[in-house]
Amino acid sequence: DVQLQASGGGSVQAGGSLRLSCAASGFTFDSSAIGWFRQAPGKEREGAACIVSIDGSTYYADSVKGRFSISRDNAKNTVYLQMNSLKHEDTADYYCAAVSLIPDQAPGARYWGLLPGPYDYWGRGTQVTVSS
């Protein structure tokens, strides 16, 4: 069974940092795209960052660019989201999601990587609260 386990959420003051982890199992990690999505109360789920394991490409939402960094450890089947300079508006439940890819599909992630629709597998969320 595919499992995605997100962890690392918590409460932090504005300007602080958190690192989220997404431990994956049950699919070929190095032939996949992993995305971090977030959903604030009363708002739609939005993509924050995506990493394509095949070629290491990364994509970010404008709202987090320059503050968040996504990375992967293929040996541990884990993706990380380092979040710096956190703002109150970053408060949300954060989810990781995965989709299996073949190499030819990797370049297309620049168009769909931050959209929730293409992802087949979702983990439970981890809550991030940023106090101003």
N, C-alpha and C. Protein backbone atom coordinates (compact mmCIF):
# COMPACT_ATOMS: atom_id res chain seq x y z
N ASP A 1 0.84 -1.20 0.00
CA ASP A 1 0.00 0.00 0.00
C ASP A 1 0.88 1.25 0.00
N VAL A 2 0.41 2.26 -0.71
CA VAL A 2 1.12 3.53 -0.72
C VAL A 2 0.84 4.26 0.59
N GLN A 3 1.92 4.75 1.18
CA GLN A 3 1.78 5.55 2.39
C GLN A 3 2.62 6.80 2.28
N LEU A 4 2.03 7.90 2.69
CA LEU A 4 2.74 9.18 2.78
C LEU A 4 2.50 9.71 4.18
N GLN A 5 3.55 9.89 4.92
CA GLN A 5 3.44 10.33 6.30
C GLN A 5 4.10 11.70 6.45
N ALA A 6 3.29 12.71 6.63
CA ALA A 6 3.81 14.07 6.82
C ALA A 6 4.00 14.33 8.30
N SER A 7 5.07 15.04 8.63
CA SER A 7 5.35 15.39 10.02
C SER A 7 6.14 16.68 10.06
N GLY A 8 6.29 17.21 11.26
CA GLY A 8 7.11 18.40 11.44
C GLY A 8 6.35 19.69 11.65
N GLY A 9 5.03 19.63 11.59
CA GLY A 9 4.25 20.84 11.82
C GLY A 9 4.34 21.29 13.26
N GLY A 10 3.85 22.48 13.51
CA GLY A 10 3.87 23.01 14.86
C GLY A 10 3.49 24.47 14.87
N SER A 11 3.73 25.10 16.00
CA SER A 11 3.43 26.52 16.16
C SER A 11 4.73 27.29 16.24
N VAL A 12 4.77 28.40 15.53
CA VAL A 12 5.99 29.20 15.48
C VAL A 12 5.59 30.67 15.34
N GLN A 13 6.44 31.54 15.77
CA GLN A 13 6.19 32.96 15.60
C GLN A 13 6.58 33.39 14.19
N ALA A 14 5.97 34.46 13.75
CA ALA A 14 6.30 35.01 12.43
C ALA A 14 7.79 35.28 12.36
N GLY A 15 8.36 34.92 11.21
CA GLY A 15 9.79 35.06 11.03
C GLY A 15 10.56 33.80 11.35
N GLY A 16 9.90 32.86 11.98
CA GLY A 16 10.55 31.61 12.36
C GLY A 16 10.60 30.61 11.23
N SER A 17 11.09 29.41 11.56
CA SER A 17 11.28 28.35 10.57
C SER A 17 10.72 27.03 11.06
N LEU A 18 10.33 26.20 10.13
CA LEU A 18 9.94 24.82 10.38
C LEU A 18 10.42 23.98 9.22
N ARG A 19 10.66 22.70 9.48
CA ARG A 19 10.96 21.77 8.40
C ARG A 19 9.96 20.63 8.46
N LEU A 20 9.23 20.48 7.38
CA LEU A 20 8.28 19.37 7.26
C LEU A 20 8.96 18.21 6.56
N SER A 21 8.55 17.01 6.93
CA SER A 21 9.05 15.79 6.30
C SER A 21 7.88 14.99 5.75
N CYS A 22 8.13 14.32 4.64
CA CYS A 22 7.13 13.43 4.05
C CYS A 22 7.82 12.11 3.77
N ALA A 23 7.53 11.11 4.58
CA ALA A 23 8.10 9.78 4.39
C ALA A 23 7.18 8.96 3.50
N ALA A 24 7.74 8.42 2.43
CA ALA A 24 6.93 7.73 1.42
C ALA A 24 7.28 6.26 1.33
N SER A 25 6.29 5.45 1.03
CA SER A 25 6.53 4.03 0.80
C SER A 25 5.43 3.49 -0.11
N GLY A 26 5.71 2.35 -0.73
CA GLY A 26 4.70 1.68 -1.54
C GLY A 26 4.68 2.05 -3.00
N PHE A 27 5.60 2.89 -3.44
CA PHE A 27 5.71 3.20 -4.87
C PHE A 27 7.16 3.52 -5.15
N THR A 28 7.48 3.65 -6.44
CA THR A 28 8.87 3.89 -6.84
C THR A 28 9.19 5.37 -6.65
N PHE A 29 9.83 5.64 -5.54
CA PHE A 29 10.08 7.02 -5.14
C PHE A 29 10.88 7.80 -6.16
N ASP A 30 11.88 7.17 -6.76
CA ASP A 30 12.74 7.91 -7.68
C ASP A 30 12.16 8.01 -9.08
N SER A 31 10.92 7.62 -9.25
CA SER A 31 10.19 7.84 -10.50
C SER A 31 8.85 8.48 -10.16
N SER A 32 8.93 9.62 -9.50
CA SER A 32 7.70 10.24 -9.02
C SER A 32 7.87 11.75 -8.91
N ALA A 33 6.77 12.41 -8.72
CA ALA A 33 6.75 13.81 -8.30
C ALA A 33 6.07 13.86 -6.94
N ILE A 34 6.64 14.64 -6.07
CA ILE A 34 6.07 14.84 -4.73
C ILE A 34 5.74 16.31 -4.58
N GLY A 35 4.55 16.57 -4.16
CA GLY A 35 4.13 17.95 -3.95
C GLY A 35 3.74 18.22 -2.51
N TRP A 36 3.99 19.43 -2.09
CA TRP A 36 3.47 19.90 -0.80
C TRP A 36 2.33 20.86 -1.07
N PHE A 37 1.20 20.59 -0.47
CA PHE A 37 0.03 21.42 -0.62
C PHE A 37 -0.38 21.92 0.76
N ARG A 38 -1.15 22.98 0.76
CA ARG A 38 -1.63 23.49 2.04
C ARG A 38 -3.06 23.98 1.90
N GLN A 39 -3.74 23.92 3.01
CA GLN A 39 -5.13 24.36 3.03
C GLN A 39 -5.42 25.08 4.33
N ALA A 40 -5.75 26.34 4.19
CA ALA A 40 -6.11 27.15 5.35
C ALA A 40 -7.62 27.06 5.56
N PRO A 41 -8.08 27.30 6.77
CA PRO A 41 -9.52 27.23 7.03
C PRO A 41 -10.31 28.13 6.09
N GLY A 42 -11.32 27.56 5.46
CA GLY A 42 -12.17 28.32 4.57
C GLY A 42 -11.59 28.60 3.21
N LYS A 43 -10.42 28.05 2.93
CA LYS A 43 -9.78 28.29 1.63
C LYS A 43 -9.57 26.99 0.88
N GLU A 44 -9.34 27.11 -0.41
CA GLU A 44 -9.08 25.94 -1.23
C GLU A 44 -7.64 25.46 -1.01
N ARG A 45 -7.45 24.18 -1.27
CA ARG A 45 -6.11 23.61 -1.20
C ARG A 45 -5.25 24.22 -2.30
N GLU A 46 -4.03 24.61 -1.96
CA GLU A 46 -3.14 25.19 -2.96
C GLU A 46 -1.78 24.53 -2.90
N GLY A 47 -1.15 24.48 -4.04
CA GLY A 47 0.18 23.91 -4.10
C GLY A 47 1.22 24.89 -3.61
N ALA A 48 2.16 24.41 -2.82
CA ALA A 48 3.24 25.25 -2.32
C ALA A 48 4.55 24.95 -3.04
N ALA A 49 4.85 23.66 -3.20
CA ALA A 49 6.12 23.27 -3.83
C ALA A 49 6.01 21.86 -4.37
N CYS A 50 6.84 21.58 -5.35
CA CYS A 50 6.85 20.27 -5.99
C CYS A 50 8.29 19.91 -6.33
N ILE A 51 8.62 18.63 -6.21
CA ILE A 51 9.92 18.15 -6.65
C ILE A 51 9.73 16.90 -7.48
N VAL A 52 10.45 16.85 -8.59
CA VAL A 52 10.39 15.70 -9.48
C VAL A 52 11.62 14.84 -9.22
N SER A 53 11.41 13.65 -8.73
CA SER A 53 12.54 12.80 -8.34
C SER A 53 13.38 12.38 -9.53
N ILE A 54 12.78 12.30 -10.72
CA ILE A 54 13.51 11.82 -11.89
C ILE A 54 14.67 12.74 -12.23
N ASP A 55 14.42 14.06 -12.22
CA ASP A 55 15.48 14.99 -12.65
C ASP A 55 15.80 16.06 -11.61
N GLY A 56 15.13 16.01 -10.45
CA GLY A 56 15.43 16.96 -9.39
C GLY A 56 14.82 18.33 -9.58
N SER A 57 14.00 18.50 -10.61
CA SER A 57 13.38 19.81 -10.84
C SER A 57 12.48 20.18 -9.66
N THR A 58 12.46 21.46 -9.36
CA THR A 58 11.61 21.96 -8.27
C THR A 58 10.79 23.14 -8.77
N TYR A 59 9.61 23.26 -8.20
CA TYR A 59 8.69 24.32 -8.58
C TYR A 59 8.05 24.87 -7.32
N TYR A 60 7.83 26.18 -7.30
CA TYR A 60 7.29 26.84 -6.12
C TYR A 60 6.16 27.78 -6.48
N ALA A 61 5.23 27.91 -5.57
CA ALA A 61 4.21 28.94 -5.71
C ALA A 61 4.88 30.29 -5.46
N ASP A 62 4.38 31.32 -6.12
CA ASP A 62 4.96 32.65 -5.95
C ASP A 62 4.92 33.08 -4.48
N SER A 63 3.91 32.65 -3.77
CA SER A 63 3.73 33.08 -2.38
C SER A 63 4.80 32.53 -1.44
N VAL A 64 5.51 31.49 -1.87
CA VAL A 64 6.53 30.90 -0.99
C VAL A 64 7.93 30.96 -1.59
N LYS A 65 8.02 31.41 -2.83
CA LYS A 65 9.31 31.44 -3.50
C LYS A 65 10.30 32.31 -2.73
N GLY A 66 11.50 31.79 -2.54
CA GLY A 66 12.51 32.51 -1.81
C GLY A 66 12.47 32.27 -0.31
N ARG A 67 11.39 31.67 0.18
CA ARG A 67 11.28 31.39 1.61
C ARG A 67 11.24 29.89 1.90
N PHE A 68 10.63 29.12 1.01
CA PHE A 68 10.50 27.67 1.18
C PHE A 68 11.47 26.97 0.23
N SER A 69 11.94 25.82 0.68
CA SER A 69 12.84 25.02 -0.15
C SER A 69 12.45 23.55 -0.03
N ILE A 70 12.22 22.91 -1.17
CA ILE A 70 11.86 21.49 -1.18
C ILE A 70 13.07 20.67 -1.58
N SER A 71 13.27 19.56 -0.91
CA SER A 71 14.40 18.69 -1.23
C SER A 71 14.00 17.24 -0.99
N ARG A 72 14.83 16.33 -1.44
CA ARG A 72 14.50 14.91 -1.29
C ARG A 72 15.73 14.13 -0.87
N ASP A 73 15.49 13.03 -0.21
CA ASP A 73 16.54 12.07 0.11
C ASP A 73 16.07 10.74 -0.43
N ASN A 74 16.56 10.36 -1.59
CA ASN A 74 16.10 9.14 -2.24
C ASN A 74 16.42 7.90 -1.40
N ALA A 75 17.51 7.94 -0.66
CA ALA A 75 17.88 6.78 0.15
C ALA A 75 16.88 6.55 1.27
N LYS A 76 16.25 7.62 1.73
CA LYS A 76 15.28 7.52 2.82
C LYS A 76 13.85 7.61 2.33
N ASN A 77 13.67 7.75 1.01
CA ASN A 77 12.31 7.93 0.47
C ASN A 77 11.56 9.04 1.20
N THR A 78 12.24 10.16 1.38
CA THR A 78 11.67 11.25 2.16
C THR A 78 11.86 12.57 1.41
N VAL A 79 10.84 13.38 1.45
CA VAL A 79 10.89 14.74 0.89
C VAL A 79 10.73 15.71 2.04
N TYR A 80 11.48 16.79 1.96
CA TYR A 80 11.46 17.80 3.02
C TYR A 80 10.96 19.13 2.46
N LEU A 81 10.34 19.90 3.31
CA LEU A 81 9.97 21.27 2.97
C LEU A 81 10.51 22.17 4.08
N GLN A 82 11.59 22.87 3.76
CA GLN A 82 12.15 23.82 4.70
C GLN A 82 11.43 25.13 4.53
N MET A 83 10.85 25.62 5.60
CA MET A 83 10.05 26.85 5.54
C MET A 83 10.71 27.89 6.43
N ASN A 84 11.19 28.94 5.81
CA ASN A 84 11.84 30.03 6.54
C ASN A 84 11.02 31.30 6.42
N SER A 85 11.33 32.26 7.26
CA SER A 85 10.64 33.57 7.23
C SER A 85 9.14 33.38 7.18
N LEU A 86 8.64 32.54 8.06
CA LEU A 86 7.22 32.21 8.04
C LEU A 86 6.36 33.42 8.35
N LYS A 87 5.22 33.47 7.70
CA LYS A 87 4.27 34.55 7.86
C LYS A 87 2.96 33.98 8.41
N HIS A 88 2.16 34.87 8.98
CA HIS A 88 0.87 34.42 9.52
C HIS A 88 0.05 33.74 8.43
N GLU A 89 0.14 34.24 7.21
CA GLU A 89 -0.65 33.68 6.11
C GLU A 89 -0.17 32.31 5.67
N ASP A 90 0.94 31.83 6.21
CA ASP A 90 1.38 30.47 5.93
C ASP A 90 0.65 29.45 6.82
N THR A 91 -0.14 29.94 7.76
CA THR A 91 -0.89 29.06 8.64
C THR A 91 -1.84 28.19 7.83
N ALA A 92 -1.74 26.89 7.98
CA ALA A 92 -2.56 25.95 7.20
C ALA A 92 -2.24 24.53 7.63
N ASP A 93 -3.06 23.61 7.16
CA ASP A 93 -2.69 22.19 7.20
C ASP A 93 -1.89 21.90 5.94
N TYR A 94 -0.75 21.26 6.12
CA TYR A 94 0.13 20.95 5.01
C TYR A 94 0.07 19.46 4.70
N TYR A 95 -0.06 19.15 3.42
CA TYR A 95 -0.18 17.78 2.95
C TYR A 95 0.90 17.48 1.92
N CYS A 96 1.41 16.27 1.94
CA CYS A 96 2.25 15.86 0.82
C CYS A 96 1.46 14.89 -0.05
N ALA A 97 1.78 14.92 -1.31
CA ALA A 97 1.09 14.10 -2.30
C ALA A 97 2.10 13.58 -3.30
N ALA A 98 1.76 12.47 -3.94
CA ALA A 98 2.69 11.83 -4.86
C ALA A 98 1.99 11.34 -6.11
N VAL A 99 2.73 11.33 -7.19
CA VAL A 99 2.25 10.72 -8.44
C VAL A 99 3.44 10.05 -9.10
N SER A 100 3.22 8.86 -9.62
CA SER A 100 4.29 8.15 -10.33
C SER A 100 4.43 8.71 -11.73
N LEU A 101 5.67 8.78 -12.20
CA LEU A 101 5.96 9.34 -13.51
C LEU A 101 6.86 8.42 -14.31
N ILE A 102 6.78 8.53 -15.64
CA ILE A 102 7.82 8.01 -16.51
C ILE A 102 8.68 9.20 -16.92
N PRO A 103 9.91 8.97 -17.35
CA PRO A 103 10.81 10.09 -17.64
C PRO A 103 10.22 11.15 -18.58
N ASP A 104 9.48 10.72 -19.59
CA ASP A 104 8.93 11.68 -20.56
C ASP A 104 7.95 12.65 -19.92
N GLN A 105 7.38 12.28 -18.78
CA GLN A 105 6.38 13.12 -18.13
C GLN A 105 7.01 14.19 -17.24
N ALA A 106 8.29 14.03 -16.93
CA ALA A 106 8.93 14.93 -15.96
C ALA A 106 8.87 16.40 -16.36
N PRO A 107 9.19 16.75 -17.62
CA PRO A 107 9.19 18.18 -17.96
C PRO A 107 7.83 18.85 -17.79
N GLY A 108 6.77 18.08 -17.94
CA GLY A 108 5.43 18.65 -17.83
C GLY A 108 5.06 19.10 -16.45
N ALA A 109 5.84 18.69 -15.46
CA ALA A 109 5.54 19.06 -14.09
C ALA A 109 5.60 20.57 -13.88
N ARG A 110 6.29 21.27 -14.75
CA ARG A 110 6.33 22.72 -14.62
C ARG A 110 4.93 23.33 -14.80
N TYR A 111 4.05 22.59 -15.46
CA TYR A 111 2.70 23.09 -15.71
C TYR A 111 1.70 22.58 -14.69
N TRP A 112 1.88 21.31 -14.23
CA TRP A 112 0.86 20.74 -13.36
C TRP A 112 1.35 20.45 -11.96
N GLY A 113 2.63 20.67 -11.68
CA GLY A 113 3.20 20.24 -10.41
C GLY A 113 2.56 20.84 -9.18
N LEU A 114 1.96 22.03 -9.30
CA LEU A 114 1.35 22.68 -8.15
C LEU A 114 -0.17 22.57 -8.16
N LEU A 115 -0.69 21.73 -9.01
CA LEU A 115 -2.13 21.48 -9.07
C LEU A 115 -2.44 20.16 -8.37
N PRO A 116 -3.47 20.10 -7.56
CA PRO A 116 -3.75 18.87 -6.81
C PRO A 116 -4.27 17.72 -7.68
N GLY A 117 -4.91 18.04 -8.79
CA GLY A 117 -5.57 17.02 -9.59
C GLY A 117 -4.71 15.86 -10.05
N PRO A 118 -3.48 16.10 -10.53
CA PRO A 118 -2.68 15.00 -11.05
C PRO A 118 -2.14 14.02 -10.01
N TYR A 119 -2.22 14.35 -8.78
CA TYR A 119 -1.61 13.51 -7.74
C TYR A 119 -2.56 12.39 -7.32
N ASP A 120 -2.01 11.18 -7.27
CA ASP A 120 -2.81 10.00 -6.96
C ASP A 120 -2.84 9.65 -5.48
N TYR A 121 -1.79 10.01 -4.79
CA TYR A 121 -1.66 9.57 -3.39
C TYR A 121 -1.50 10.78 -2.49
N TRP A 122 -2.19 10.73 -1.37
CA TRP A 122 -2.17 11.84 -0.42
C TRP A 122 -1.95 11.31 0.99
N GLY A 123 -1.18 12.07 1.75
CA GLY A 123 -1.01 11.73 3.15
C GLY A 123 -1.92 12.58 4.02
N ARG A 124 -1.91 12.28 5.30
CA ARG A 124 -2.63 13.12 6.25
C ARG A 124 -1.86 14.42 6.43
N GLY A 125 -2.55 15.44 6.82
CA GLY A 125 -1.93 16.73 6.97
C GLY A 125 -1.18 16.89 8.26
N THR A 126 -0.30 17.88 8.26
CA THR A 126 0.37 18.30 9.49
C THR A 126 0.12 19.80 9.62
N GLN A 127 -0.25 20.20 10.82
CA GLN A 127 -0.72 21.57 11.00
C GLN A 127 0.45 22.52 11.28
N VAL A 128 0.41 23.64 10.60
CA VAL A 128 1.39 24.71 10.82
C VAL A 128 0.64 25.96 11.25
N THR A 129 1.02 26.50 12.37
CA THR A 129 0.40 27.72 12.88
C THR A 129 1.48 28.76 13.09
N VAL A 130 1.31 29.90 12.44
CA VAL A 130 2.28 30.99 12.56
C VAL A 130 1.59 32.16 13.23
N SER A 131 2.08 32.54 14.37
CA SER A 131 1.48 33.65 15.11
C SER A 131 2.21 34.94 14.76
N SER A 132 1.41 35.98 14.62
CA SER A 132 2.00 37.27 14.22
C SER A 132 2.34 38.11 15.44
